[in-house]
Amino acid sequence: MWNCVAAFGFHPLKAENKFRLTKEELEEKITDKTKVLLISFPNNPTGAIMEKEDLEAIREVVTAHDIL
């Protein structure tokens, strides 16, 4: 597991965002090499879940950047 994370990168989530990935944080991490986004939820150990609005914002980003 850690080898995959090290090879592909990860983004630590913040308490102030209720441990949810934001559109802005995602935009900051995307490079020309980004091809796939994997999101694991519920987030352990916090138990945070993505709301519909969160997922819609992320969909906008991945669609704009042609990411799977």
PDB file of N, CA and C in Angstrom:
ATOM      1  N   MET A   1       0.814  -1.192   0.000  1.00  0.00           N
ATOM      2  CA  MET A   1       0.000   0.000   0.000  1.00  0.00           C
ATOM      3  C   MET A   1       0.856   1.252   0.000  1.00  0.00           C
ATOM      4  N   TRP A   2       1.802   1.357   0.903  1.00  0.00           N
ATOM      5  CA  TRP A   2       2.621   2.570   0.973  1.00  0.00           C
ATOM      6  C   TRP A   2       3.444   2.754  -0.292  1.00  0.00           C
ATOM      7  N   ASN A   3       3.875   1.656  -0.937  1.00  0.00           N
ATOM      8  CA  ASN A   3       4.622   1.802  -2.177  1.00  0.00           C
ATOM      9  C   ASN A   3       3.774   2.460  -3.250  1.00  0.00           C
ATOM     10  N   CYS A   4       2.493   2.091  -3.311  1.00  0.00           N
ATOM     11  CA  CYS A   4       1.594   2.717  -4.282  1.00  0.00           C
ATOM     12  C   CYS A   4       1.407   4.195  -3.971  1.00  0.00           C
ATOM     13  N   VAL A   5       1.235   4.508  -2.715  1.00  0.00           N
ATOM     14  CA  VAL A   5       1.070   5.900  -2.330  1.00  0.00           C
ATOM     15  C   VAL A   5       2.314   6.690  -2.679  1.00  0.00           C
ATOM     16  N   ALA A   6       3.474   6.129  -2.390  1.00  0.00           N
ATOM     17  CA  ALA A   6       4.728   6.817  -2.687  1.00  0.00           C
ATOM     18  C   ALA A   6       4.906   6.996  -4.188  1.00  0.00           C
ATOM     19  N   ALA A   7       4.535   5.993  -4.960  1.00  0.00           N
ATOM     20  CA  ALA A   7       4.722   6.057  -6.407  1.00  0.00           C
ATOM     21  C   ALA A   7       3.739   7.028  -7.061  1.00  0.00           C
ATOM     22  N   PHE A   8       2.536   7.097  -6.553  1.00  0.00           N
ATOM     23  CA  PHE A   8       1.502   7.878  -7.216  1.00  0.00           C
ATOM     24  C   PHE A   8       1.117   9.161  -6.481  1.00  0.00           C
ATOM     25  N   GLY A   9       1.581   9.313  -5.263  1.00  0.00           N
ATOM     26  CA  GLY A   9       1.291  10.522  -4.511  1.00  0.00           C
ATOM     27  C   GLY A   9       0.003  10.435  -3.722  1.00  0.00           C
ATOM     28  N   PHE A  10      -0.116  11.318  -2.756  1.00  0.00           N
ATOM     29  CA  PHE A  10      -1.329  11.400  -1.958  1.00  0.00           C
ATOM     30  C   PHE A  10      -1.489  12.832  -1.484  1.00  0.00           C
ATOM     31  N   HIS A  11      -2.667  13.131  -0.990  1.00  0.00           N
ATOM     32  CA  HIS A  11      -2.938  14.482  -0.506  1.00  0.00           C
ATOM     33  C   HIS A  11      -3.575  14.387   0.873  1.00  0.00           C
ATOM     34  N   PRO A  12      -2.884  14.847   1.912  1.00  0.00           N
ATOM     35  CA  PRO A  12      -3.488  14.816   3.241  1.00  0.00           C
ATOM     36  C   PRO A  12      -4.650  15.806   3.322  1.00  0.00           C
ATOM     37  N   LEU A  13      -5.746  15.373   3.914  1.00  0.00           N
ATOM     38  CA  LEU A  13      -6.925  16.220   4.029  1.00  0.00           C
ATOM     39  C   LEU A  13      -6.876  17.029   5.318  1.00  0.00           C
ATOM     40  N   LYS A  14      -7.576  18.167   5.323  1.00  0.00           N
ATOM     41  CA  LYS A  14      -7.494  19.111   6.430  1.00  0.00           C
ATOM     42  C   LYS A  14      -8.780  19.124   7.261  1.00  0.00           C
ATOM     43  N   ALA A  15      -8.605  19.273   8.571  1.00  0.00           N
ATOM     44  CA  ALA A  15      -9.746  19.340   9.488  1.00  0.00           C
ATOM     45  C   ALA A  15     -10.664  20.505   9.139  1.00  0.00           C
ATOM     46  N   GLU A  16     -10.074  21.646   8.746  1.00  0.00           N
ATOM     47  CA  GLU A  16     -10.913  22.823   8.450  1.00  0.00           C
ATOM     48  C   GLU A  16     -11.825  22.606   7.246  1.00  0.00           C
ATOM     49  N   ASN A  17     -11.520  21.603   6.423  1.00  0.00           N
ATOM     50  CA  ASN A  17     -12.382  21.242   5.291  1.00  0.00           C
ATOM     51  C   ASN A  17     -13.208  19.997   5.601  1.00  0.00           C
ATOM     52  N   LYS A  18     -13.306  19.668   6.884  1.00  0.00           N
ATOM     53  CA  LYS A  18     -14.034  18.479   7.343  1.00  0.00           C
ATOM     54  C   LYS A  18     -13.468  17.209   6.705  1.00  0.00           C
ATOM     55  N   PHE A  19     -12.164  17.204   6.471  1.00  0.00           N
ATOM     56  CA  PHE A  19     -11.441  16.076   5.877  1.00  0.00           C
ATOM     57  C   PHE A  19     -11.998  15.680   4.511  1.00  0.00           C
ATOM     58  N   ARG A  20     -12.395  16.689   3.748  1.00  0.00           N
ATOM     59  CA  ARG A  20     -12.893  16.471   2.380  1.00  0.00           C
ATOM     60  C   ARG A  20     -11.928  17.128   1.399  1.00  0.00           C
ATOM     61  N   LEU A  21     -11.762  16.512   0.242  1.00  0.00           N
ATOM     62  CA  LEU A  21     -10.955  17.081  -0.830  1.00  0.00           C
ATOM     63  C   LEU A  21     -11.728  18.226  -1.470  1.00  0.00           C
ATOM     64  N   THR A  22     -11.098  19.378  -1.582  1.00  0.00           N
ATOM     65  CA  THR A  22     -11.771  20.513  -2.211  1.00  0.00           C
ATOM     66  C   THR A  22     -11.328  20.656  -3.668  1.00  0.00           C
ATOM     67  N   LYS A  23     -12.136  21.344  -4.418  1.00  0.00           N
ATOM     68  CA  LYS A  23     -11.837  21.613  -5.828  1.00  0.00           C
ATOM     69  C   LYS A  23     -10.509  22.354  -5.953  1.00  0.00           C
ATOM     70  N   GLU A  24     -10.291  23.324  -5.076  1.00  0.00           N
ATOM     71  CA  GLU A  24      -9.079  24.130  -5.122  1.00  0.00           C
ATOM     72  C   GLU A  24      -7.829  23.301  -4.803  1.00  0.00           C
ATOM     73  N   GLU A  25      -7.935  22.433  -3.805  1.00  0.00           N
ATOM     74  CA  GLU A  25      -6.800  21.571  -3.456  1.00  0.00           C
ATOM     75  C   GLU A  25      -6.475  20.619  -4.608  1.00  0.00           C
ATOM     76  N   LEU A  26      -7.501  20.100  -5.233  1.00  0.00           N
ATOM     77  CA  LEU A  26      -7.293  19.190  -6.357  1.00  0.00           C
ATOM     78  C   LEU A  26      -6.615  19.917  -7.519  1.00  0.00           C
ATOM     79  N   GLU A  27      -7.092  21.102  -7.840  1.00  0.00           N
ATOM     80  CA  GLU A  27      -6.492  21.885  -8.935  1.00  0.00           C
ATOM     81  C   GLU A  27      -5.001  22.116  -8.705  1.00  0.00           C
ATOM     82  N   GLU A  28      -4.616  22.358  -7.453  1.00  0.00           N
ATOM     83  CA  GLU A  28      -3.206  22.607  -7.123  1.00  0.00           C
ATOM     84  C   GLU A  28      -2.327  21.386  -7.372  1.00  0.00           C
ATOM     85  N   LYS A  29      -2.885  20.188  -7.278  1.00  0.00           N
ATOM     86  CA  LYS A  29      -2.100  18.958  -7.379  1.00  0.00           C
ATOM     87  C   LYS A  29      -2.005  18.412  -8.809  1.00  0.00           C
ATOM     88  N   ILE A  30      -2.844  18.853  -9.695  1.00  0.00           N
ATOM     89  CA  ILE A  30      -2.870  18.319 -11.054  1.00  0.00           C
ATOM     90  C   ILE A  30      -1.668  18.829 -11.846  1.00  0.00           C
ATOM     91  N   THR A  31      -1.020  17.895 -12.549  1.00  0.00           N
ATOM     92  CA  THR A  31       0.085  18.235 -13.442  1.00  0.00           C
ATOM     93  C   THR A  31      -0.214  17.664 -14.825  1.00  0.00           C
ATOM     94  N   ASP A  32       0.683  17.877 -15.764  1.00  0.00           N
ATOM     95  CA  ASP A  32       0.526  17.304 -17.104  1.00  0.00           C
ATOM     96  C   ASP A  32       0.570  15.782 -17.070  1.00  0.00           C
ATOM     97  N   LYS A  33       1.160  15.218 -16.032  1.00  0.00           N
ATOM     98  CA  LYS A  33       1.272  13.766 -15.907  1.00  0.00           C
ATOM     99  C   LYS A  33       0.055  13.125 -15.247  1.00  0.00           C
ATOM    100  N   THR A  34      -0.845  13.904 -14.698  1.00  0.00           N
ATOM    101  CA  THR A  34      -2.014  13.367 -14.003  1.00  0.00           C
ATOM    102  C   THR A  34      -2.962  12.724 -15.005  1.00  0.00           C
ATOM    103  N   LYS A  35      -3.293  11.452 -14.765  1.00  0.00           N
ATOM    104  CA  LYS A  35      -4.180  10.712 -15.667  1.00  0.00           C
ATOM    105  C   LYS A  35      -5.395  10.141 -14.957  1.00  0.00           C
ATOM    106  N   VAL A  36      -5.250   9.832 -13.651  1.00  0.00           N
ATOM    107  CA  VAL A  36      -6.305   9.160 -12.905  1.00  0.00           C
ATOM    108  C   VAL A  36      -6.419   9.777 -11.517  1.00  0.00           C
ATOM    109  N   LEU A  37      -7.646   9.873 -11.024  1.00  0.00           N
ATOM    110  CA  LEU A  37      -7.887  10.314  -9.652  1.00  0.00           C
ATOM    111  C   LEU A  37      -8.591   9.178  -8.920  1.00  0.00           C
ATOM    112  N   LEU A  38      -8.015   8.734  -7.821  1.00  0.00           N
ATOM    113  CA  LEU A  38      -8.636   7.718  -6.971  1.00  0.00           C
ATOM    114  C   LEU A  38      -9.008   8.369  -5.655  1.00  0.00           C
ATOM    115  N   ILE A  39     -10.267   8.225  -5.275  1.00  0.00           N
ATOM    116  CA  ILE A  39     -10.743   8.788  -4.014  1.00  0.00           C
ATOM    117  C   ILE A  39     -11.261   7.638  -3.165  1.00  0.00           C
ATOM    118  N   SER A  40     -10.745   7.538  -1.960  1.00  0.00           N
ATOM    119  CA  SER A  40     -11.161   6.490  -1.036  1.00  0.00           C
ATOM    120  C   SER A  40     -12.036   7.099   0.053  1.00  0.00           C
ATOM    121  N   PHE A  41     -13.299   6.722   0.089  1.00  0.00           N
ATOM    122  CA  PHE A  41     -14.208   7.211   1.118  1.00  0.00           C
ATOM    123  C   PHE A  41     -15.112   6.096   1.560  1.00  0.00           C
ATOM    124  N   PRO A  42     -15.516   6.045   2.833  1.00  0.00           N
ATOM    125  CA  PRO A  42     -15.273   7.098   3.804  1.00  0.00           C
ATOM    126  C   PRO A  42     -13.799   7.178   4.159  1.00  0.00           C
ATOM    127  N   ASN A  43     -13.379   8.368   4.547  1.00  0.00           N
ATOM    128  CA  ASN A  43     -11.988   8.628   4.888  1.00  0.00           C
ATOM    129  C   ASN A  43     -11.692   8.046   6.265  1.00  0.00           C
ATOM    130  N   ASN A  44     -10.726   7.174   6.354  1.00  0.00           N
ATOM    131  CA  ASN A  44     -10.329   6.616   7.649  1.00  0.00           C
ATOM    132  C   ASN A  44      -9.082   7.318   8.119  1.00  0.00           C
ATOM    133  N   PRO A  45      -8.919   7.624   9.358  1.00  0.00           N
ATOM    134  CA  PRO A  45      -9.766   7.223  10.488  1.00  0.00           C
ATOM    135  C   PRO A  45     -10.852   8.229  10.831  1.00  0.00           C
ATOM    136  N   THR A  46     -11.037   9.289  10.037  1.00  0.00           N
ATOM    137  CA  THR A  46     -11.990  10.338  10.422  1.00  0.00           C
ATOM    138  C   THR A  46     -13.437   9.952  10.170  1.00  0.00           C
ATOM    139  N   GLY A  47     -13.684   9.056   9.211  1.00  0.00           N
ATOM    140  CA  GLY A  47     -15.051   8.694   8.860  1.00  0.00           C
ATOM    141  C   GLY A  47     -15.735   9.737   7.993  1.00  0.00           C
ATOM    142  N   ALA A  48     -14.965  10.725   7.507  1.00  0.00           N
ATOM    143  CA  ALA A  48     -15.541  11.786   6.673  1.00  0.00           C
ATOM    144  C   ALA A  48     -16.046  11.207   5.354  1.00  0.00           C
ATOM    145  N   ILE A  49     -17.129  11.774   4.873  1.00  0.00           N
ATOM    146  CA  ILE A  49     -17.678  11.360   3.579  1.00  0.00           C
ATOM    147  C   ILE A  49     -17.808  12.581   2.674  1.00  0.00           C
ATOM    148  N   MET A  50     -17.827  12.319   1.380  1.00  0.00           N
ATOM    149  CA  MET A  50     -17.990  13.394   0.411  1.00  0.00           C
ATOM    150  C   MET A  50     -19.483  13.644   0.210  1.00  0.00           C
ATOM    151  N   GLU A  51     -19.861  14.898   0.199  1.00  0.00           N
ATOM    152  CA  GLU A  51     -21.237  15.295  -0.086  1.00  0.00           C
ATOM    153  C   GLU A  51     -21.397  15.417  -1.603  1.00  0.00           C
ATOM    154  N   LYS A  52     -22.637  15.420  -2.065  1.00  0.00           N
ATOM    155  CA  LYS A  52     -22.920  15.521  -3.497  1.00  0.00           C
ATOM    156  C   LYS A  52     -22.254  16.745  -4.110  1.00  0.00           C
ATOM    157  N   GLU A  53     -22.305  17.872  -3.407  1.00  0.00           N
ATOM    158  CA  GLU A  53     -21.705  19.110  -3.913  1.00  0.00           C
ATOM    159  C   GLU A  53     -20.189  18.981  -4.059  1.00  0.00           C
ATOM    160  N   ASP A  54     -19.549  18.267  -3.119  1.00  0.00           N
ATOM    161  CA  ASP A  54     -18.102  18.035  -3.197  1.00  0.00           C
ATOM    162  C   ASP A  54     -17.761  17.238  -4.451  1.00  0.00           C
ATOM    163  N   LEU A  55     -18.515  16.175  -4.681  1.00  0.00           N
ATOM    164  CA  LEU A  55     -18.253  15.307  -5.833  1.00  0.00           C
ATOM    165  C   LEU A  55     -18.537  16.016  -7.156  1.00  0.00           C
ATOM    166  N   GLU A  56     -19.553  16.857  -7.177  1.00  0.00           N
ATOM    167  CA  GLU A  56     -19.848  17.613  -8.397  1.00  0.00           C
ATOM    168  C   GLU A  56     -18.711  18.579  -8.727  1.00  0.00           C
ATOM    169  N   ALA A  57     -18.135  19.215  -7.712  1.00  0.00           N
ATOM    170  CA  ALA A  57     -17.009  20.129  -7.927  1.00  0.00           C
ATOM    171  C   ALA A  57     -15.793  19.366  -8.442  1.00  0.00           C
ATOM    172  N   ILE A  58     -15.541  18.195  -7.886  1.00  0.00           N
ATOM    173  CA  ILE A  58     -14.411  17.373  -8.337  1.00  0.00           C
ATOM    174  C   ILE A  58     -14.652  16.887  -9.760  1.00  0.00           C
ATOM    175  N   ARG A  59     -15.899  16.544 -10.075  1.00  0.00           N
ATOM    176  CA  ARG A  59     -16.235  16.132 -11.445  1.00  0.00           C
ATOM    177  C   ARG A  59     -15.890  17.231 -12.439  1.00  0.00           C
ATOM    178  N   GLU A  60     -16.170  18.474 -12.091  1.00  0.00           N
ATOM    179  CA  GLU A  60     -15.843  19.601 -12.967  1.00  0.00           C
ATOM    180  C   GLU A  60     -14.343  19.652 -13.252  1.00  0.00           C
ATOM    181  N   VAL A  61     -13.544  19.434 -12.227  1.00  0.00           N
ATOM    182  CA  VAL A  61     -12.083  19.490 -12.369  1.00  0.00           C
ATOM    183  C   VAL A  61     -11.586  18.345 -13.250  1.00  0.00           C
ATOM    184  N   VAL A  62     -12.009  17.125 -12.952  1.00  0.00           N
ATOM    185  CA  VAL A  62     -11.493  15.984 -13.730  1.00  0.00           C
ATOM    186  C   VAL A  62     -11.986  16.023 -15.175  1.00  0.00           C
ATOM    187  N   THR A  63     -13.170  16.532 -15.388  1.00  0.00           N
ATOM    188  CA  THR A  63     -13.677  16.671 -16.763  1.00  0.00           C
ATOM    189  C   THR A  63     -12.869  17.718 -17.523  1.00  0.00           C
ATOM    190  N   ALA A  64     -12.588  18.834 -16.882  1.00  0.00           N
ATOM    191  CA  ALA A  64     -11.817  19.904 -17.529  1.00  0.00           C
ATOM    192  C   ALA A  64     -10.398  19.460 -17.881  1.00  0.00           C
ATOM    193  N   HIS A  65      -9.844  18.552 -17.077  1.00  0.00           N
ATOM    194  CA  HIS A  65      -8.466  18.089 -17.299  1.00  0.00           C
ATOM    195  C   HIS A  65      -8.390  16.724 -17.966  1.00  0.00           C
ATOM    196  N   ASP A  66      -9.545  16.177 -18.371  1.00  0.00           N
ATOM    197  CA  ASP A  66      -9.609  14.870 -19.037  1.00  0.00           C
ATOM    198  C   ASP A  66      -8.927  13.775 -18.208  1.00  0.00           C
ATOM    199  N   ILE A  67      -9.308  13.712 -16.943  1.00  0.00           N
ATOM    200  CA  ILE A  67      -8.756  12.726 -15.998  1.00  0.00           C
ATOM    201  C   ILE A  67      -9.811  11.660 -15.749  1.00  0.00           C
ATOM    202  N   LEU A  68      -9.383  10.404 -15.662  1.00  0.00           N
ATOM    203  CA  LEU A  68     -10.308   9.326 -15.313  1.00  0.00           C
ATOM    204  C   LEU A  68     -10.638   9.366 -13.864  1.00  0.00           C
TER     205      LEU A  68
END
